[in-house]
């Protein structure tokens, strides 16, 4: 589940989040697109 998007002025910053559930592993290889 991604979150953190929105409307931002050029030059600003955002931090997007991706919450992971249902995995048997504590750490997974992840990517953003």
ModelCIF file with pLDDT and N, C-alpha, C, O atoms, coordinates in Angstrom:
data_MODEL
#
_entry.id   MODEL 
#
_entity.id                         1 
_entity.type                       polymer 
_entity.pdbx_number_of_molecules   1 
#
_entity_poly.entity_id                      1 
_entity_poly.type                           'polypeptide(L)' 
_entity_poly.nstd_linkage                   no 
_entity_poly.nstd_monomer                   no 
_entity_poly.pdbx_seq_one_letter_code       
;(UNK)(UNK)(UNK)(UNK)(UNK)(UNK)(UNK)(UNK)(UNK)(UNK)(UNK)(UNK)(UNK)(UNK)(UNK)(UNK)
(UNK)(UNK)(UNK)(UNK)(UNK)(UNK)(UNK)(UNK)(UNK)(UNK)(UNK)(UNK)(UNK)(UNK)(UNK)(UNK)
(UNK)
;
_entity_poly.pdbx_seq_one_letter_code_can   XXXXXXXXXXXXXXXXXXXXXXXXXXXXXXXXX 
_entity_poly.pdbx_strand_id                 A 
#
loop_
_entity_poly_seq.entity_id 
_entity_poly_seq.num 
_entity_poly_seq.mon_id 
_entity_poly_seq.hetero 
1 1  UNK n 
1 2  UNK n 
1 3  UNK n 
1 4  UNK n 
1 5  UNK n 
1 6  UNK n 
1 7  UNK n 
1 8  UNK n 
1 9  UNK n 
1 10 UNK n 
1 11 UNK n 
1 12 UNK n 
1 13 UNK n 
1 14 UNK n 
1 15 UNK n 
1 16 UNK n 
1 17 UNK n 
1 18 UNK n 
1 19 UNK n 
1 20 UNK n 
1 21 UNK n 
1 22 UNK n 
1 23 UNK n 
1 24 UNK n 
1 25 UNK n 
1 26 UNK n 
1 27 UNK n 
1 28 UNK n 
1 29 UNK n 
1 30 UNK n 
1 31 UNK n 
1 32 UNK n 
1 33 UNK n 
#
_struct_asym.id          A 
_struct_asym.entity_id   1 
#
loop_
_ma_qa_metric.id 
_ma_qa_metric.mode 
_ma_qa_metric.name 
_ma_qa_metric.software_group_id 
_ma_qa_metric.type 
1 global pLDDT . pLDDT 
2 local  pLDDT . pLDDT 
#
_ma_qa_metric_global.metric_id      1 
_ma_qa_metric_global.metric_value   94.36 
_ma_qa_metric_global.model_id       1 
_ma_qa_metric_global.ordinal_id     1 
#
loop_
_ma_qa_metric_local.label_asym_id 
_ma_qa_metric_local.label_comp_id 
_ma_qa_metric_local.label_seq_id 
_ma_qa_metric_local.metric_id 
_ma_qa_metric_local.metric_value 
_ma_qa_metric_local.model_id 
_ma_qa_metric_local.ordinal_id 
A UNK 1  2 96.00 1 1  
A UNK 2  2 97.00 1 2  
A UNK 3  2 97.00 1 3  
A UNK 4  2 97.00 1 4  
A UNK 5  2 97.00 1 5  
A UNK 6  2 97.00 1 6  
A UNK 7  2 98.00 1 7  
A UNK 8  2 98.00 1 8  
A UNK 9  2 98.00 1 9  
A UNK 10 2 98.00 1 10 
A UNK 11 2 98.00 1 11 
A UNK 12 2 98.00 1 12 
A UNK 13 2 98.00 1 13 
A UNK 14 2 97.00 1 14 
A UNK 15 2 98.00 1 15 
A UNK 16 2 98.00 1 16 
A UNK 17 2 98.00 1 17 
A UNK 18 2 97.00 1 18 
A UNK 19 2 96.00 1 19 
A UNK 20 2 94.00 1 20 
A UNK 21 2 93.00 1 21 
A UNK 22 2 91.00 1 22 
A UNK 23 2 86.00 1 23 
A UNK 24 2 81.00 1 24 
A UNK 25 2 80.00 1 25 
A UNK 26 2 77.00 1 26 
A UNK 27 2 86.00 1 27 
A UNK 28 2 89.00 1 28 
A UNK 29 2 95.00 1 29 
A UNK 30 2 97.00 1 30 
A UNK 31 2 98.00 1 31 
A UNK 32 2 98.00 1 32 
A UNK 33 2 98.00 1 33 
#
loop_
_atom_site.group_PDB 
_atom_site.id 
_atom_site.type_symbol 
_atom_site.label_atom_id 
_atom_site.label_alt_id 
_atom_site.label_comp_id 
_atom_site.label_asym_id 
_atom_site.label_entity_id 
_atom_site.label_seq_id 
_atom_site.pdbx_PDB_ins_code 
_atom_site.Cartn_x 
_atom_site.Cartn_y 
_atom_site.Cartn_z 
_atom_site.occupancy 
_atom_site.B_iso_or_equiv 
_atom_site.pdbx_formal_charge 
_atom_site.auth_seq_id 
_atom_site.auth_comp_id 
_atom_site.auth_asym_id 
_atom_site.auth_atom_id 
_atom_site.pdbx_PDB_model_num 
ATOM 1   N N  . UNK A 1 1  ? 0.849  -1.182  0.000   1.00 96.00 ? 1  UNK A N  1 
ATOM 2   C CA . UNK A 1 1  ? 0.000  0.000   0.000   1.00 96.00 ? 1  UNK A CA 1 
ATOM 3   C C  . UNK A 1 1  ? 0.885  1.232   0.000   1.00 96.00 ? 1  UNK A C  1 
ATOM 4   O O  . UNK A 1 1  ? 1.600  1.494   0.967   1.00 96.00 ? 1  UNK A O  1 
ATOM 5   N N  . UNK A 1 2  ? 0.835  1.998   -1.102  1.00 97.00 ? 2  UNK A N  1 
ATOM 6   C CA . UNK A 1 2  ? 1.600  3.236   -1.206  1.00 97.00 ? 2  UNK A CA 1 
ATOM 7   C C  . UNK A 1 2  ? 0.809  4.402   -0.630  1.00 97.00 ? 2  UNK A C  1 
ATOM 8   O O  . UNK A 1 2  ? -0.422 4.405   -0.647  1.00 97.00 ? 2  UNK A O  1 
ATOM 9   N N  . UNK A 1 3  ? 1.530  5.382   -0.125  1.00 97.00 ? 3  UNK A N  1 
ATOM 10  C CA . UNK A 1 3  ? 0.926  6.610   0.361   1.00 97.00 ? 3  UNK A CA 1 
ATOM 11  C C  . UNK A 1 3  ? 1.965  7.720   0.319   1.00 97.00 ? 3  UNK A C  1 
ATOM 12  O O  . UNK A 1 3  ? 3.147  7.465   0.091   1.00 97.00 ? 3  UNK A O  1 
ATOM 13  N N  . UNK A 1 4  ? 1.522  8.944   0.539   1.00 97.00 ? 4  UNK A N  1 
ATOM 14  C CA . UNK A 1 4  ? 2.422  10.081  0.612   1.00 97.00 ? 4  UNK A CA 1 
ATOM 15  C C  . UNK A 1 4  ? 2.444  10.972  -0.605  1.00 97.00 ? 4  UNK A C  1 
ATOM 16  O O  . UNK A 1 4  ? 3.116  12.003  -0.602  1.00 97.00 ? 4  UNK A O  1 
ATOM 17  N N  . UNK A 1 5  ? 1.724  10.599  -1.650  1.00 97.00 ? 5  UNK A N  1 
ATOM 18  C CA . UNK A 1 5  ? 1.672  11.435  -2.831  1.00 97.00 ? 5  UNK A CA 1 
ATOM 19  C C  . UNK A 1 5  ? 0.802  12.655  -2.613  1.00 97.00 ? 5  UNK A C  1 
ATOM 20  O O  . UNK A 1 5  ? 0.131  12.780  -1.588  1.00 97.00 ? 5  UNK A O  1 
ATOM 21  N N  . UNK A 1 6  ? 0.818  13.554  -3.588  1.00 97.00 ? 6  UNK A N  1 
ATOM 22  C CA . UNK A 1 6  ? 0.025  14.763  -3.503  1.00 97.00 ? 6  UNK A CA 1 
ATOM 23  C C  . UNK A 1 6  ? 0.496  15.800  -4.484  1.00 97.00 ? 6  UNK A C  1 
ATOM 24  O O  . UNK A 1 6  ? 1.277  15.512  -5.391  1.00 97.00 ? 6  UNK A O  1 
ATOM 25  N N  . UNK A 1 7  ? 0.008  17.027  -4.295  1.00 98.00 ? 7  UNK A N  1 
ATOM 26  C CA . UNK A 1 7  ? 0.367  18.163  -5.130  1.00 98.00 ? 7  UNK A CA 1 
ATOM 27  C C  . UNK A 1 7  ? 1.507  18.924  -4.478  1.00 98.00 ? 7  UNK A C  1 
ATOM 28  O O  . UNK A 1 7  ? 1.395  19.360  -3.332  1.00 98.00 ? 7  UNK A O  1 
ATOM 29  N N  . UNK A 1 8  ? 2.600  19.084  -5.205  1.00 98.00 ? 8  UNK A N  1 
ATOM 30  C CA . UNK A 1 8  ? 3.802  19.717  -4.675  1.00 98.00 ? 8  UNK A CA 1 
ATOM 31  C C  . UNK A 1 8  ? 4.325  20.735  -5.681  1.00 98.00 ? 8  UNK A C  1 
ATOM 32  O O  . UNK A 1 8  ? 4.261  20.517  -6.891  1.00 98.00 ? 8  UNK A O  1 
ATOM 33  N N  . UNK A 1 9  ? 4.834  21.834  -5.176  1.00 98.00 ? 9  UNK A N  1 
ATOM 34  C CA . UNK A 1 9  ? 5.445  22.846  -6.023  1.00 98.00 ? 9  UNK A CA 1 
ATOM 35  C C  . UNK A 1 9  ? 6.823  22.382  -6.491  1.00 98.00 ? 9  UNK A C  1 
ATOM 36  O O  . UNK A 1 9  ? 7.539  21.704  -5.753  1.00 98.00 ? 9  UNK A O  1 
ATOM 37  N N  . UNK A 1 10 ? 7.187  22.745  -7.709  1.00 98.00 ? 10 UNK A N  1 
ATOM 38  C CA . UNK A 1 10 ? 8.521  22.424  -8.210  1.00 98.00 ? 10 UNK A CA 1 
ATOM 39  C C  . UNK A 1 10 ? 9.581  22.918  -7.241  1.00 98.00 ? 10 UNK A C  1 
ATOM 40  O O  . UNK A 1 10 ? 9.490  24.024  -6.708  1.00 98.00 ? 10 UNK A O  1 
ATOM 41  N N  . UNK A 1 11 ? 10.585 22.085  -7.022  1.00 98.00 ? 11 UNK A N  1 
ATOM 42  C CA . UNK A 1 11 ? 11.631 22.396  -6.069  1.00 98.00 ? 11 UNK A CA 1 
ATOM 43  C C  . UNK A 1 11 ? 11.382 21.837  -4.684  1.00 98.00 ? 11 UNK A C  1 
ATOM 44  O O  . UNK A 1 11 ? 12.284 21.825  -3.847  1.00 98.00 ? 11 UNK A O  1 
ATOM 45  N N  . UNK A 1 12 ? 10.173 21.375  -4.436  1.00 98.00 ? 12 UNK A N  1 
ATOM 46  C CA . UNK A 1 12 ? 9.829  20.807  -3.152  1.00 98.00 ? 12 UNK A CA 1 
ATOM 47  C C  . UNK A 1 12 ? 10.237 19.355  -3.037  1.00 98.00 ? 12 UNK A C  1 
ATOM 48  O O  . UNK A 1 12 ? 10.918 18.813  -3.907  1.00 98.00 ? 12 UNK A O  1 
ATOM 49  N N  . UNK A 1 13 ? 9.809  18.727  -1.943  1.00 98.00 ? 13 UNK A N  1 
ATOM 50  C CA . UNK A 1 13 ? 10.186 17.353  -1.646  1.00 98.00 ? 13 UNK A CA 1 
ATOM 51  C C  . UNK A 1 13 ? 8.982  16.539  -1.205  1.00 98.00 ? 13 UNK A C  1 
ATOM 52  O O  . UNK A 1 13 ? 7.996  17.079  -0.703  1.00 98.00 ? 13 UNK A O  1 
ATOM 53  N N  . UNK A 1 14 ? 9.078  15.245  -1.397  1.00 97.00 ? 14 UNK A N  1 
ATOM 54  C CA . UNK A 1 14 ? 8.082  14.299  -0.926  1.00 97.00 ? 14 UNK A CA 1 
ATOM 55  C C  . UNK A 1 14 ? 8.771  13.061  -0.389  1.00 97.00 ? 14 UNK A C  1 
ATOM 56  O O  . UNK A 1 14 ? 9.854  12.691  -0.844  1.00 97.00 ? 14 UNK A O  1 
ATOM 57  N N  . UNK A 1 15 ? 8.137  12.425  0.583   1.00 98.00 ? 15 UNK A N  1 
ATOM 58  C CA . UNK A 1 15 ? 8.544  11.106  1.019   1.00 98.00 ? 15 UNK A CA 1 
ATOM 59  C C  . UNK A 1 15 ? 7.372  10.159  0.836   1.00 98.00 ? 15 UNK A C  1 
ATOM 60  O O  . UNK A 1 15 ? 6.356  10.264  1.524   1.00 98.00 ? 15 UNK A O  1 
ATOM 61  N N  . UNK A 1 16 ? 7.524  9.237   -0.095  1.00 98.00 ? 16 UNK A N  1 
ATOM 62  C CA . UNK A 1 16 ? 6.507  8.240   -0.360  1.00 98.00 ? 16 UNK A CA 1 
ATOM 63  C C  . UNK A 1 16 ? 6.741  7.019   0.518   1.00 98.00 ? 16 UNK A C  1 
ATOM 64  O O  . UNK A 1 16 ? 7.882  6.666   0.817   1.00 98.00 ? 16 UNK A O  1 
ATOM 65  N N  . UNK A 1 17 ? 5.655  6.380   0.928   1.00 98.00 ? 17 UNK A N  1 
ATOM 66  C CA . UNK A 1 17 ? 5.733  5.206   1.783   1.00 98.00 ? 17 UNK A CA 1 
ATOM 67  C C  . UNK A 1 17 ? 5.098  4.008   1.104   1.00 98.00 ? 17 UNK A C  1 
ATOM 68  O O  . UNK A 1 17 ? 4.147  4.147   0.335   1.00 98.00 ? 17 UNK A O  1 
ATOM 69  N N  . UNK A 1 18 ? 5.626  2.845   1.390   1.00 97.00 ? 18 UNK A N  1 
ATOM 70  C CA . UNK A 1 18 ? 5.073  1.589   0.884   1.00 97.00 ? 18 UNK A CA 1 
ATOM 71  C C  . UNK A 1 18 ? 5.040  0.600   2.038   1.00 97.00 ? 18 UNK A C  1 
ATOM 72  O O  . UNK A 1 18 ? 6.078  0.097   2.467   1.00 97.00 ? 18 UNK A O  1 
ATOM 73  N N  . UNK A 1 19 ? 3.847  0.328   2.536   1.00 96.00 ? 19 UNK A N  1 
ATOM 74  C CA . UNK A 1 19 ? 3.668  -0.606  3.640   1.00 96.00 ? 19 UNK A CA 1 
ATOM 75  C C  . UNK A 1 19 ? 3.483  -2.013  3.097   1.00 96.00 ? 19 UNK A C  1 
ATOM 76  O O  . UNK A 1 19 ? 2.666  -2.239  2.205   1.00 96.00 ? 19 UNK A O  1 
ATOM 77  N N  . UNK A 1 20 ? 4.236  -2.949  3.633   1.00 94.00 ? 20 UNK A N  1 
ATOM 78  C CA . UNK A 1 20 ? 4.236  -4.332  3.166   1.00 94.00 ? 20 UNK A CA 1 
ATOM 79  C C  . UNK A 1 20 ? 3.567  -5.216  4.202   1.00 94.00 ? 20 UNK A C  1 
ATOM 80  O O  . UNK A 1 20 ? 3.849  -5.109  5.396   1.00 94.00 ? 20 UNK A O  1 
ATOM 81  N N  . UNK A 1 21 ? 2.683  -6.086  3.747   1.00 93.00 ? 21 UNK A N  1 
ATOM 82  C CA . UNK A 1 21 ? 2.036  -7.053  4.624   1.00 93.00 ? 21 UNK A CA 1 
ATOM 83  C C  . UNK A 1 21 ? 1.932  -8.391  3.914   1.00 93.00 ? 21 UNK A C  1 
ATOM 84  O O  . UNK A 1 21 ? 1.956  -8.454  2.685   1.00 93.00 ? 21 UNK A O  1 
ATOM 85  N N  . UNK A 1 22 ? 1.818  -9.453  4.686   1.00 91.00 ? 22 UNK A N  1 
ATOM 86  C CA . UNK A 1 22 ? 1.606  -10.771 4.129   1.00 91.00 ? 22 UNK A CA 1 
ATOM 87  C C  . UNK A 1 22 ? 2.857  -11.518 3.728   1.00 91.00 ? 22 UNK A C  1 
ATOM 88  O O  . UNK A 1 22 ? 2.764  -12.623 3.193   1.00 91.00 ? 22 UNK A O  1 
ATOM 89  N N  . UNK A 1 23 ? 4.017  -10.953 3.969   1.00 86.00 ? 23 UNK A N  1 
ATOM 90  C CA . UNK A 1 23 ? 5.264  -11.605 3.608   1.00 86.00 ? 23 UNK A CA 1 
ATOM 91  C C  . UNK A 1 23 ? 5.788  -12.423 4.779   1.00 86.00 ? 23 UNK A C  1 
ATOM 92  O O  . UNK A 1 23 ? 5.701  -12.004 5.933   1.00 86.00 ? 23 UNK A O  1 
ATOM 93  N N  . UNK A 1 24 ? 6.327  -13.581 4.474   1.00 81.00 ? 24 UNK A N  1 
ATOM 94  C CA . UNK A 1 24 ? 6.928  -14.400 5.520   1.00 81.00 ? 24 UNK A CA 1 
ATOM 95  C C  . UNK A 1 24 ? 8.338  -13.937 5.842   1.00 81.00 ? 24 UNK A C  1 
ATOM 96  O O  . UNK A 1 24 ? 8.934  -14.391 6.819   1.00 81.00 ? 24 UNK A O  1 
ATOM 97  N N  . UNK A 1 25 ? 8.875  -13.038 5.030   1.00 80.00 ? 25 UNK A N  1 
ATOM 98  C CA . UNK A 1 25 ? 10.218 -12.515 5.232   1.00 80.00 ? 25 UNK A CA 1 
ATOM 99  C C  . UNK A 1 25 ? 10.159 -11.158 5.913   1.00 80.00 ? 25 UNK A C  1 
ATOM 100 O O  . UNK A 1 25 ? 9.253  -10.364 5.661   1.00 80.00 ? 25 UNK A O  1 
ATOM 101 N N  . UNK A 1 26 ? 11.125 -10.900 6.771   1.00 77.00 ? 26 UNK A N  1 
ATOM 102 C CA . UNK A 1 26 ? 11.202 -9.607  7.433   1.00 77.00 ? 26 UNK A CA 1 
ATOM 103 C C  . UNK A 1 26 ? 11.713 -8.522  6.501   1.00 77.00 ? 26 UNK A C  1 
ATOM 104 O O  . UNK A 1 26 ? 11.342 -7.356  6.631   1.00 77.00 ? 26 UNK A O  1 
ATOM 105 N N  . UNK A 1 27 ? 12.566 -8.908  5.559   1.00 86.00 ? 27 UNK A N  1 
ATOM 106 C CA . UNK A 1 27 ? 13.159 -7.977  4.621   1.00 86.00 ? 27 UNK A CA 1 
ATOM 107 C C  . UNK A 1 27 ? 13.007 -8.529  3.211   1.00 86.00 ? 27 UNK A C  1 
ATOM 108 O O  . UNK A 1 27 ? 13.382 -9.670  2.940   1.00 86.00 ? 27 UNK A O  1 
ATOM 109 N N  . UNK A 1 28 ? 12.459 -7.719  2.318   1.00 89.00 ? 28 UNK A N  1 
ATOM 110 C CA . UNK A 1 28 ? 12.342 -8.075  0.916   1.00 89.00 ? 28 UNK A CA 1 
ATOM 111 C C  . UNK A 1 28 ? 13.084 -7.058  0.064   1.00 89.00 ? 28 UNK A C  1 
ATOM 112 O O  . UNK A 1 28 ? 13.198 -5.888  0.429   1.00 89.00 ? 28 UNK A O  1 
ATOM 113 N N  . UNK A 1 29 ? 13.583 -7.513  -1.068  1.00 95.00 ? 29 UNK A N  1 
ATOM 114 C CA . UNK A 1 29 ? 14.094 -6.579  -2.060  1.00 95.00 ? 29 UNK A CA 1 
ATOM 115 C C  . UNK A 1 29 ? 12.913 -5.814  -2.648  1.00 95.00 ? 29 UNK A C  1 
ATOM 116 O O  . UNK A 1 29 ? 11.908 -6.415  -3.028  1.00 95.00 ? 29 UNK A O  1 
ATOM 117 N N  . UNK A 1 30 ? 13.034 -4.490  -2.722  1.00 97.00 ? 30 UNK A N  1 
ATOM 118 C CA . UNK A 1 30 ? 11.934 -3.637  -3.142  1.00 97.00 ? 30 UNK A CA 1 
ATOM 119 C C  . UNK A 1 30 ? 12.402 -2.646  -4.195  1.00 97.00 ? 30 UNK A C  1 
ATOM 120 O O  . UNK A 1 30 ? 13.593 -2.359  -4.311  1.00 97.00 ? 30 UNK A O  1 
ATOM 121 N N  . UNK A 1 31 ? 11.453 -2.131  -4.956  1.00 98.00 ? 31 UNK A N  1 
ATOM 122 C CA . UNK A 1 31 ? 11.755 -1.131  -5.965  1.00 98.00 ? 31 UNK A CA 1 
ATOM 123 C C  . UNK A 1 31 ? 10.610 -0.144  -6.091  1.00 98.00 ? 31 UNK A C  1 
ATOM 124 O O  . UNK A 1 31 ? 9.467  -0.459  -5.758  1.00 98.00 ? 31 UNK A O  1 
ATOM 125 N N  . UNK A 1 32 ? 10.920 1.044   -6.570  1.00 98.00 ? 32 UNK A N  1 
ATOM 126 C CA . UNK A 1 32 ? 9.935  2.073   -6.891  1.00 98.00 ? 32 UNK A CA 1 
ATOM 127 C C  . UNK A 1 32 ? 9.951  2.340   -8.387  1.00 98.00 ? 32 UNK A C  1 
ATOM 128 O O  . UNK A 1 32 ? 11.010 2.385   -9.012  1.00 98.00 ? 32 UNK A O  1 
ATOM 129 N N  . UNK A 1 33 ? 8.760  2.517   -8.955  1.00 98.00 ? 33 UNK A N  1 
ATOM 130 C CA . UNK A 1 33 ? 8.563  2.850   -10.355 1.00 98.00 ? 33 UNK A CA 1 
ATOM 131 C C  . UNK A 1 33 ? 7.580  4.002   -10.446 1.00 98.00 ? 33 UNK A C  1 
ATOM 132 O O  . UNK A 1 33 ? 7.260  4.456   -11.545 1.00 98.00 ? 33 UNK A O  1 
#
